[in-house]
């Protein structure tokens, strides 16, 4: 820790050690070692980089390497993360997605800008760009067949309870109209190849359909994301009037539990293993030829251990199909076994952990209905 009087340095250490300052004020990462001398918050290295891009609002310094003068130390001592939270996060809508250090850059940056630059959460009842139940605008959408991104008009309506998109600006009829309660939205910058890439999925005839979009403006794409969550929240409040706000919040958009490549074989377990992109979206395991495919080639329902589902390390002895990856795992269901191989042991253990987390959860009435559909389909 550099510079300042001995008393100041002692005070700085004491303030830094307060329990309220043990997590980054913006993303919750443990042991932040940077701070803003103008906002009085303790933040991690990653969030400090975002703060540095808003110099009119925040001046950041390292707690270990930079000089802190007495006045700056006193300012930090009077403020800290709890005071900042009470000020800048006083009135966050329950549906607003508060990112963590595991989330992508655009979500974390817009959260920081919304708090400190735009002061969106300091006053009650403030009109927010994602809170009025309707949103209309242009998003760049990836073509299902040609892979080109083209501008498309999207319309989100709480009154109609749906999201629509139109192939032409002046089109009267939408290309699709999707009910809000079957939509999920999750940021996918790496998969889509754009820092503001958003994957919108929805159920059509009980099959998952993917739409990949982006907007040039990080602020605008995050507003779309939170507008979807807002409309979903209000729709579900009406649909489930006795559910608590927190219960409803937990039913809004969700990140996928895990994605990545595995190899799989067919039901006879003698076919060659083929490399596929897998997405585990709660109890739906979907596989695709390409990560950006609109529809899955197949889906597997992953139920609970009480209902005869389990995940096992390795493949059954005597497995005959040719495979190039050697870290196997087996999903056991009441009807059949599904065999997969992973490229590395780390991948294998990560997938097993993801499946185990789902299998250990009791099934809801809605999930029994989904399981029944999968059994009927097969």
Protein backbone atom coordinates (compact mmCIF):
# COMPACT_ATOMS: atom_id res chain seq x y z
CA UNK A 1 0.00 0.00 0.00
CA UNK A 2 1.65 3.22 -1.14
CA UNK A 3 1.88 6.77 0.23
CA UNK A 4 -0.18 8.83 2.70
CA UNK A 5 0.45 9.42 6.39
CA UNK A 6 0.87 6.43 8.68
CA UNK A 7 -2.46 7.19 10.38
CA UNK A 8 -4.15 7.47 6.98
CA UNK A 9 -2.75 4.15 5.83
CA UNK A 10 -3.97 2.50 9.02
CA UNK A 11 -7.47 3.97 8.48
CA UNK A 12 -7.47 2.82 4.86
CA UNK A 13 -6.62 -0.73 5.92
CA UNK A 14 -9.39 -0.70 8.54
CA UNK A 15 -12.00 0.58 6.07
CA UNK A 16 -10.88 -1.91 3.43
CA UNK A 17 -11.31 -4.76 5.96
CA UNK A 18 -14.92 -3.89 6.81
CA UNK A 19 -17.28 -6.75 6.00
CA UNK A 20 -19.36 -4.50 3.70
CA UNK A 21 -16.27 -3.88 1.54
CA UNK A 22 -15.19 -7.52 1.23
CA UNK A 23 -17.03 -7.97 -2.08
CA UNK A 24 -16.88 -5.80 -5.20
CA UNK A 25 -19.66 -3.18 -5.00
CA UNK A 26 -20.68 -3.87 -8.60
CA UNK A 27 -20.24 -7.58 -9.36
CA UNK A 28 -19.80 -9.20 -5.95
CA UNK A 29 -16.36 -10.65 -6.64
CA UNK A 30 -14.52 -11.38 -3.35
CA UNK A 31 -11.49 -9.38 -2.16
CA UNK A 32 -11.70 -6.21 -4.27
CA UNK A 33 -8.38 -4.34 -4.29
CA UNK A 34 -9.36 -1.19 -6.19
CA UNK A 35 -11.56 1.71 -5.09
CA UNK A 36 -13.20 4.80 -6.54
CA UNK A 37 -11.99 7.95 -4.83
CA UNK A 38 -15.05 9.87 -6.08
CA UNK A 39 -17.81 7.32 -5.40
CA UNK A 40 -16.29 5.76 -2.30
CA UNK A 41 -16.79 2.14 -3.44
CA UNK A 42 -14.46 -0.87 -3.29
CA UNK A 43 -14.34 -2.71 -6.60
CA UNK A 44 -12.49 -5.51 -8.39
CA UNK A 45 -9.92 -5.06 -11.16
CA UNK A 46 -12.41 -5.92 -13.91
CA UNK A 47 -15.03 -3.38 -12.73
CA UNK A 48 -12.29 -0.78 -12.19
CA UNK A 49 -11.66 -0.92 -15.94
CA UNK A 50 -15.32 -0.07 -16.59
CA UNK A 51 -15.17 2.80 -14.06
CA UNK A 52 -12.07 4.12 -15.83
CA UNK A 53 -14.20 4.55 -18.97
CA UNK A 54 -16.50 6.94 -17.05
CA UNK A 55 -13.89 9.46 -15.80
CA UNK A 56 -16.45 12.21 -15.28
CA UNK A 57 -18.13 10.01 -12.64
CA UNK A 58 -15.44 7.80 -11.17
CA UNK A 59 -11.70 8.07 -10.49
CA UNK A 60 -10.23 4.68 -9.60
CA UNK A 61 -7.03 3.78 -7.79
CA UNK A 62 -5.33 0.61 -6.66
CA UNK A 63 -5.51 0.06 -2.91
CA UNK A 64 -2.16 -1.74 -3.05
CA UNK A 65 -0.08 0.30 -5.47
CA UNK A 66 -1.42 3.87 -5.63
CA UNK A 67 -0.97 6.88 -3.35
CA UNK A 68 -4.01 7.81 -1.24
CA UNK A 69 -3.96 11.23 0.42
CA UNK A 70 -5.62 11.92 3.75
CA UNK A 71 -8.73 13.57 2.25
CA UNK A 72 -9.34 10.60 -0.08
CA UNK A 73 -8.96 8.13 2.77
CA UNK A 74 -11.45 10.11 4.89
CA UNK A 75 -13.88 10.13 1.96
CA UNK A 76 -13.61 6.33 1.64
CA UNK A 77 -14.07 5.95 5.41
CA UNK A 78 -17.31 8.00 5.31
CA UNK A 79 -18.68 6.10 2.33
CA UNK A 80 -17.93 2.48 1.40
CA UNK A 81 -20.07 -0.11 -0.34
CA UNK A 82 -23.05 -0.06 2.07
CA UNK A 83 -23.56 3.71 1.74
CA UNK A 84 -23.22 3.49 -2.05
CA UNK A 85 -25.73 0.63 -2.20
CA UNK A 86 -28.25 2.61 -0.12
CA UNK A 87 -27.85 5.55 -2.52
CA UNK A 88 -27.35 4.10 -5.99
CA UNK A 89 -29.35 0.87 -5.61
CA UNK A 90 -32.23 2.23 -3.52
CA UNK A 91 -35.02 1.53 -6.03
CA UNK A 92 -34.01 -1.28 -8.38
CA UNK A 93 -37.05 -2.90 -10.04
CA UNK A 94 -37.35 -6.50 -8.85
CA UNK A 95 -37.15 -7.82 -12.42
CA UNK A 96 -33.92 -5.91 -13.26
CA UNK A 97 -31.04 -8.32 -13.80
CA UNK A 98 -28.14 -7.52 -11.47
CA UNK A 99 -25.03 -9.11 -13.01
CA UNK A 100 -22.26 -10.92 -11.17
CA UNK A 101 -18.57 -11.33 -12.03
CA UNK A 102 -19.53 -14.40 -14.10
CA UNK A 103 -21.60 -12.27 -16.49
CA UNK A 104 -20.40 -10.74 -19.74
CA UNK A 105 -18.90 -7.28 -20.18
CA UNK A 106 -21.95 -5.55 -21.66
CA UNK A 107 -24.21 -6.55 -18.75
CA UNK A 108 -21.67 -5.44 -16.13
CA UNK A 109 -20.84 -2.18 -17.92
CA UNK A 110 -24.48 -1.15 -18.36
CA UNK A 111 -25.25 -2.03 -14.72
CA UNK A 112 -22.40 0.25 -13.58
CA UNK A 113 -23.46 3.04 -15.94
CA UNK A 114 -27.13 2.66 -14.93
CA UNK A 115 -26.18 3.05 -11.26
CA UNK A 116 -23.62 5.84 -11.22
CA UNK A 117 -23.86 7.65 -14.57
CA UNK A 118 -27.60 7.56 -15.32
CA UNK A 119 -28.68 7.21 -11.65
CA UNK A 120 -31.58 4.99 -12.71
CA UNK A 121 -32.23 3.58 -9.23
CA UNK A 122 -31.89 6.59 -6.90
CA UNK A 123 -35.55 7.71 -6.93
CA UNK A 124 -38.78 5.73 -6.53
CA UNK A 125 -41.13 5.47 -9.48
CA UNK A 126 -38.61 6.77 -12.02
CA UNK A 127 -39.65 6.17 -15.64
CA UNK A 128 -37.11 3.71 -17.04
CA UNK A 129 -36.61 2.77 -20.70
CA UNK A 130 -37.50 -0.88 -19.98
CA UNK A 131 -40.38 -0.42 -17.52
CA UNK A 132 -43.39 0.83 -19.50
CA UNK A 133 -44.58 -2.53 -20.86
CA UNK A 134 -43.89 -1.85 -24.53
CA UNK A 135 -40.68 -1.65 -26.55
CA UNK A 136 -40.21 -1.28 -30.28
CA UNK A 137 -37.03 -1.02 -32.29
CA UNK A 138 -34.51 -2.55 -34.66
CA UNK A 139 -32.28 -5.48 -33.75
CA UNK A 140 -29.83 -7.19 -36.08
CA UNK A 141 -31.09 -10.78 -36.45
CA UNK A 142 -29.17 -13.74 -37.81
CA UNK A 143 -30.84 -15.41 -40.79
CA UNK A 144 -31.89 -18.98 -40.06
CA UNK A 145 -30.52 -20.40 -43.30
CA UNK A 146 -27.87 -18.01 -44.60
CA UNK A 147 -26.29 -16.88 -41.32
CA UNK A 148 -26.38 -13.18 -42.33
CA UNK A 149 -27.36 -10.57 -39.77
CA UNK A 150 -30.08 -8.26 -41.09
CA UNK A 151 -32.02 -5.42 -39.40
CA UNK A 152 -35.45 -6.52 -38.22
CA UNK A 153 -38.20 -4.65 -36.38
CA UNK A 154 -39.06 -6.15 -32.98
CA UNK A 155 -42.10 -5.29 -30.88
CA UNK A 156 -42.54 -6.31 -27.25
CA UNK A 157 -45.99 -5.78 -25.74
CA UNK A 158 -47.13 -6.42 -22.17
CA UNK A 159 -50.74 -5.80 -23.14
CA UNK A 160 -50.60 -8.54 -25.79
CA UNK A 161 -48.20 -10.68 -23.72
CA UNK A 162 -45.90 -11.35 -26.64
CA UNK A 163 -42.74 -10.56 -28.60
CA UNK A 164 -43.04 -10.12 -32.37
CA UNK A 165 -40.60 -9.50 -35.16
CA UNK A 166 -41.22 -8.23 -38.68
CA UNK A 167 -39.12 -8.86 -41.78
CA UNK A 168 -39.91 -5.40 -43.17
CA UNK A 169 -40.24 -2.06 -41.40
CA UNK A 170 -43.74 -1.44 -42.77
CA UNK A 171 -45.00 -5.05 -42.58
CA UNK A 172 -48.48 -5.37 -41.12
CA UNK A 173 -48.12 -8.99 -40.07
CA UNK A 174 -45.22 -10.26 -37.95
CA UNK A 175 -42.98 -13.11 -39.12
CA UNK A 176 -43.41 -14.61 -35.66
CA UNK A 177 -45.39 -13.79 -32.53
CA UNK A 178 -44.19 -15.51 -29.38
CA UNK A 179 -45.98 -15.67 -26.03
CA UNK A 180 -43.90 -14.00 -23.35
CA UNK A 181 -44.10 -16.91 -20.89
CA UNK A 182 -42.22 -19.33 -23.22
CA UNK A 183 -39.31 -16.93 -23.91
CA UNK A 184 -35.82 -17.06 -22.48
CA UNK A 185 -33.08 -14.52 -23.23
CA UNK A 186 -29.41 -14.95 -22.43
CA UNK A 187 -26.30 -13.03 -23.48
CA UNK A 188 -24.01 -15.01 -25.81
CA UNK A 189 -21.22 -12.66 -27.01
CA UNK A 190 -18.73 -15.46 -27.76
CA UNK A 191 -21.16 -17.76 -29.54
CA UNK A 192 -22.69 -14.96 -31.62
CA UNK A 193 -19.34 -13.24 -32.23
CA UNK A 194 -20.57 -9.83 -31.08
CA UNK A 195 -20.03 -8.23 -27.63
CA UNK A 196 -23.75 -7.31 -27.54
CA UNK A 197 -25.02 -10.69 -28.77
CA UNK A 198 -28.29 -11.89 -27.25
CA UNK A 199 -29.82 -15.33 -27.74
CA UNK A 200 -33.62 -15.42 -27.53
CA UNK A 201 -35.12 -18.89 -27.23
CA UNK A 202 -38.76 -19.88 -27.14
CA UNK A 203 -40.86 -23.02 -27.28
CA UNK A 204 -42.73 -23.77 -30.49
CA UNK A 205 -44.78 -26.98 -30.43
CA UNK A 206 -42.79 -27.89 -27.32
CA UNK A 207 -39.51 -27.65 -29.26
CA UNK A 208 -36.91 -24.99 -28.60
CA UNK A 209 -36.31 -22.38 -31.31
CA UNK A 210 -33.25 -20.08 -31.17
CA UNK A 211 -33.03 -16.52 -32.47
CA UNK A 212 -29.67 -14.70 -32.38
CA UNK A 213 -29.66 -10.89 -32.30
CA UNK A 214 -27.47 -7.94 -31.41
CA UNK A 215 -27.59 -4.15 -31.29
CA UNK A 216 -24.67 -1.78 -31.87
CA UNK A 217 -25.47 -0.06 -28.57
CA UNK A 218 -24.75 -1.98 -25.37
CA UNK A 219 -27.26 0.21 -23.52
CA UNK A 220 -30.01 -0.60 -26.01
CA UNK A 221 -29.48 -4.39 -26.01
CA UNK A 222 -29.44 -4.50 -22.18
CA UNK A 223 -32.63 -2.39 -22.18
CA UNK A 224 -34.25 -5.00 -24.46
CA UNK A 225 -33.13 -7.76 -22.10
CA UNK A 226 -34.59 -6.02 -19.04
CA UNK A 227 -37.76 -5.06 -20.94
CA UNK A 228 -38.35 -8.76 -21.67
CA UNK A 229 -37.86 -9.51 -17.95
CA UNK A 230 -40.22 -6.67 -16.99
CA UNK A 231 -43.01 -7.88 -19.29
CA UNK A 232 -42.51 -11.47 -18.12
CA UNK A 233 -42.64 -10.39 -14.49
CA UNK A 234 -45.93 -8.53 -14.87
CA UNK A 235 -47.44 -11.32 -16.97
CA UNK A 236 -46.53 -13.93 -14.34
CA UNK A 237 -47.84 -11.72 -11.50
CA UNK A 238 -51.27 -11.96 -13.10
CA UNK A 239 -50.92 -15.66 -13.97
CA UNK A 240 -49.74 -16.62 -10.44
CA UNK A 241 -51.36 -14.09 -8.10
CA UNK A 242 -50.37 -15.88 -4.88
CA UNK A 243 -46.70 -16.34 -5.82
CA UNK A 244 -44.21 -14.03 -4.07
CA UNK A 245 -42.19 -11.50 -6.08
CA UNK A 246 -39.05 -13.56 -5.44
CA UNK A 247 -40.67 -16.75 -6.69
CA UNK A 248 -41.68 -14.95 -9.88
CA UNK A 249 -38.24 -13.34 -10.24
CA UNK A 250 -36.71 -16.84 -10.23
CA UNK A 251 -38.90 -17.78 -13.20
CA UNK A 252 -37.65 -14.97 -15.44
CA UNK A 253 -34.84 -15.30 -17.99
CA UNK A 254 -32.07 -17.71 -17.03
CA UNK A 255 -28.55 -18.52 -18.17
CA UNK A 256 -27.97 -22.00 -19.53
CA UNK A 257 -26.47 -24.36 -16.95
CA UNK A 258 -23.79 -25.50 -19.36
CA UNK A 259 -22.93 -25.47 -23.05
CA UNK A 260 -20.18 -27.04 -25.10
CA UNK A 261 -19.15 -29.86 -27.43
CA UNK A 262 -19.55 -33.56 -26.63
CA UNK A 263 -19.75 -36.63 -28.82
CA UNK A 264 -22.90 -38.77 -28.77
CA UNK A 265 -24.01 -42.10 -30.16
CA UNK A 266 -27.46 -43.31 -31.14
CA UNK A 267 -30.00 -45.47 -29.30
CA UNK A 268 -28.49 -48.78 -30.46
CA UNK A 269 -25.14 -47.65 -28.97
CA UNK A 270 -23.27 -49.25 -31.88
CA UNK A 271 -23.19 -46.20 -34.16
CA UNK A 272 -20.12 -43.98 -34.45
CA UNK A 273 -20.07 -41.13 -31.94
CA UNK A 274 -20.71 -37.73 -33.60
CA UNK A 275 -19.53 -34.36 -32.32
CA UNK A 276 -22.44 -32.08 -31.39
CA UNK A 277 -22.95 -28.77 -29.57
CA UNK A 278 -24.93 -29.35 -26.37
CA UNK A 279 -26.99 -26.88 -24.33
CA UNK A 280 -28.37 -27.77 -20.90
CA UNK A 281 -31.30 -25.43 -20.25
CA UNK A 282 -32.57 -26.58 -16.87
CA UNK A 283 -34.13 -30.01 -17.61
CA UNK A 284 -33.79 -29.81 -21.39
CA UNK A 285 -30.54 -31.15 -22.87
CA UNK A 286 -30.48 -30.07 -26.51
CA UNK A 287 -27.93 -30.93 -29.16
CA UNK A 288 -27.12 -29.06 -32.36
CA UNK A 289 -24.90 -29.66 -35.36
CA UNK A 290 -23.76 -26.02 -35.08
CA UNK A 291 -23.98 -23.74 -32.00
CA UNK A 292 -25.94 -21.17 -34.06
CA UNK A 293 -28.59 -23.54 -35.41
CA UNK A 294 -32.17 -22.34 -35.06
CA UNK A 295 -33.51 -25.76 -34.02
CA UNK A 296 -31.99 -28.60 -32.04
CA UNK A 297 -31.41 -31.93 -33.77
CA UNK A 298 -32.73 -33.57 -30.63
CA UNK A 299 -33.69 -32.96 -27.00
CA UNK A 300 -33.37 -35.14 -23.91
CA UNK A 301 -35.42 -34.60 -20.74
CA UNK A 302 -33.34 -34.78 -17.54
CA UNK A 303 -35.60 -35.63 -14.59
CA UNK A 304 -34.91 -36.20 -10.90
CA UNK A 305 -33.25 -39.11 -9.10
CA UNK A 306 -36.59 -39.96 -7.42
CA UNK A 307 -37.92 -40.67 -10.90
CA UNK A 308 -35.10 -42.93 -12.02
CA UNK A 309 -32.65 -40.47 -13.59
CA UNK A 310 -28.92 -40.52 -12.85
CA UNK A 311 -25.57 -39.54 -14.34
CA UNK A 312 -22.59 -41.90 -14.27
CA UNK A 313 -18.94 -41.35 -15.05
CA UNK A 314 -17.69 -43.43 -17.98
CA UNK A 315 -19.46 -45.57 -20.58
CA UNK A 316 -21.00 -49.02 -20.07
CA UNK A 317 -18.43 -51.80 -20.55
CA UNK A 318 -18.46 -53.20 -24.05
CA UNK A 319 -19.61 -49.93 -25.72
CA UNK A 320 -18.99 -50.57 -29.41
CA UNK A 321 -19.41 -47.23 -31.20
CA UNK A 322 -16.22 -45.52 -32.41
CA UNK A 323 -15.33 -42.41 -30.43
CA UNK A 324 -12.32 -40.09 -30.58
CA UNK A 325 -12.78 -38.52 -27.13
CA UNK A 326 -12.17 -40.75 -24.13
CA UNK A 327 -13.85 -39.08 -21.15
CA UNK A 328 -17.27 -40.69 -21.15
CA UNK A 329 -20.47 -40.14 -19.20
CA UNK A 330 -23.83 -41.89 -19.20
CA UNK A 331 -27.24 -40.35 -18.54
CA UNK A 332 -29.61 -43.02 -17.24
CA UNK A 333 -33.34 -42.39 -17.74
CA UNK A 334 -36.29 -44.72 -17.07
CA UNK A 335 -36.45 -45.53 -20.79
CA UNK A 336 -32.86 -45.72 -22.02
CA UNK A 337 -29.23 -44.75 -21.47
CA UNK A 338 -27.62 -41.85 -23.34
CA UNK A 339 -23.87 -42.12 -23.95
CA UNK A 340 -21.57 -39.11 -24.40
CA UNK A 341 -17.83 -38.50 -24.54
CA UNK A 342 -15.92 -35.32 -23.65
CA UNK A 343 -12.60 -34.05 -24.97
CA UNK A 344 -11.04 -33.46 -21.54
CA UNK A 345 -11.51 -34.74 -17.99
CA UNK A 346 -12.36 -31.17 -16.90
CA UNK A 347 -15.23 -31.06 -19.41
CA UNK A 348 -16.42 -34.47 -18.23
CA UNK A 349 -16.45 -33.45 -14.56
CA UNK A 350 -18.14 -30.09 -15.34
CA UNK A 351 -20.93 -31.82 -17.30
CA UNK A 352 -21.40 -34.42 -14.54
CA UNK A 353 -21.66 -31.61 -11.95
CA UNK A 354 -24.25 -29.76 -14.09
CA UNK A 355 -26.37 -32.90 -14.61
CA UNK A 356 -26.10 -33.83 -10.91
CA UNK A 357 -27.35 -30.38 -9.84
CA UNK A 358 -30.53 -30.89 -11.90
CA UNK A 359 -31.08 -34.57 -11.07
CA UNK A 360 -30.87 -33.76 -7.34
CA UNK A 361 -33.77 -31.27 -7.60
CA UNK A 362 -37.35 -32.44 -7.12
CA UNK A 363 -39.57 -32.02 -10.18
CA UNK A 364 -42.38 -29.45 -10.32
CA UNK A 365 -45.88 -30.27 -11.65
CA UNK A 366 -45.01 -28.40 -14.87
CA UNK A 367 -41.88 -30.55 -15.30
CA UNK A 368 -43.92 -33.75 -14.94
CA UNK A 369 -46.05 -32.46 -17.83
CA UNK A 370 -42.91 -31.82 -19.93
CA UNK A 371 -41.59 -35.31 -19.10
CA UNK A 372 -44.92 -36.81 -20.20
CA UNK A 373 -44.66 -34.95 -23.52
CA UNK A 374 -41.12 -36.26 -24.12
CA UNK A 375 -42.27 -39.84 -23.39
CA UNK A 376 -45.29 -39.47 -25.67
CA UNK A 377 -43.10 -38.07 -28.46
CA UNK A 378 -40.62 -40.94 -28.25
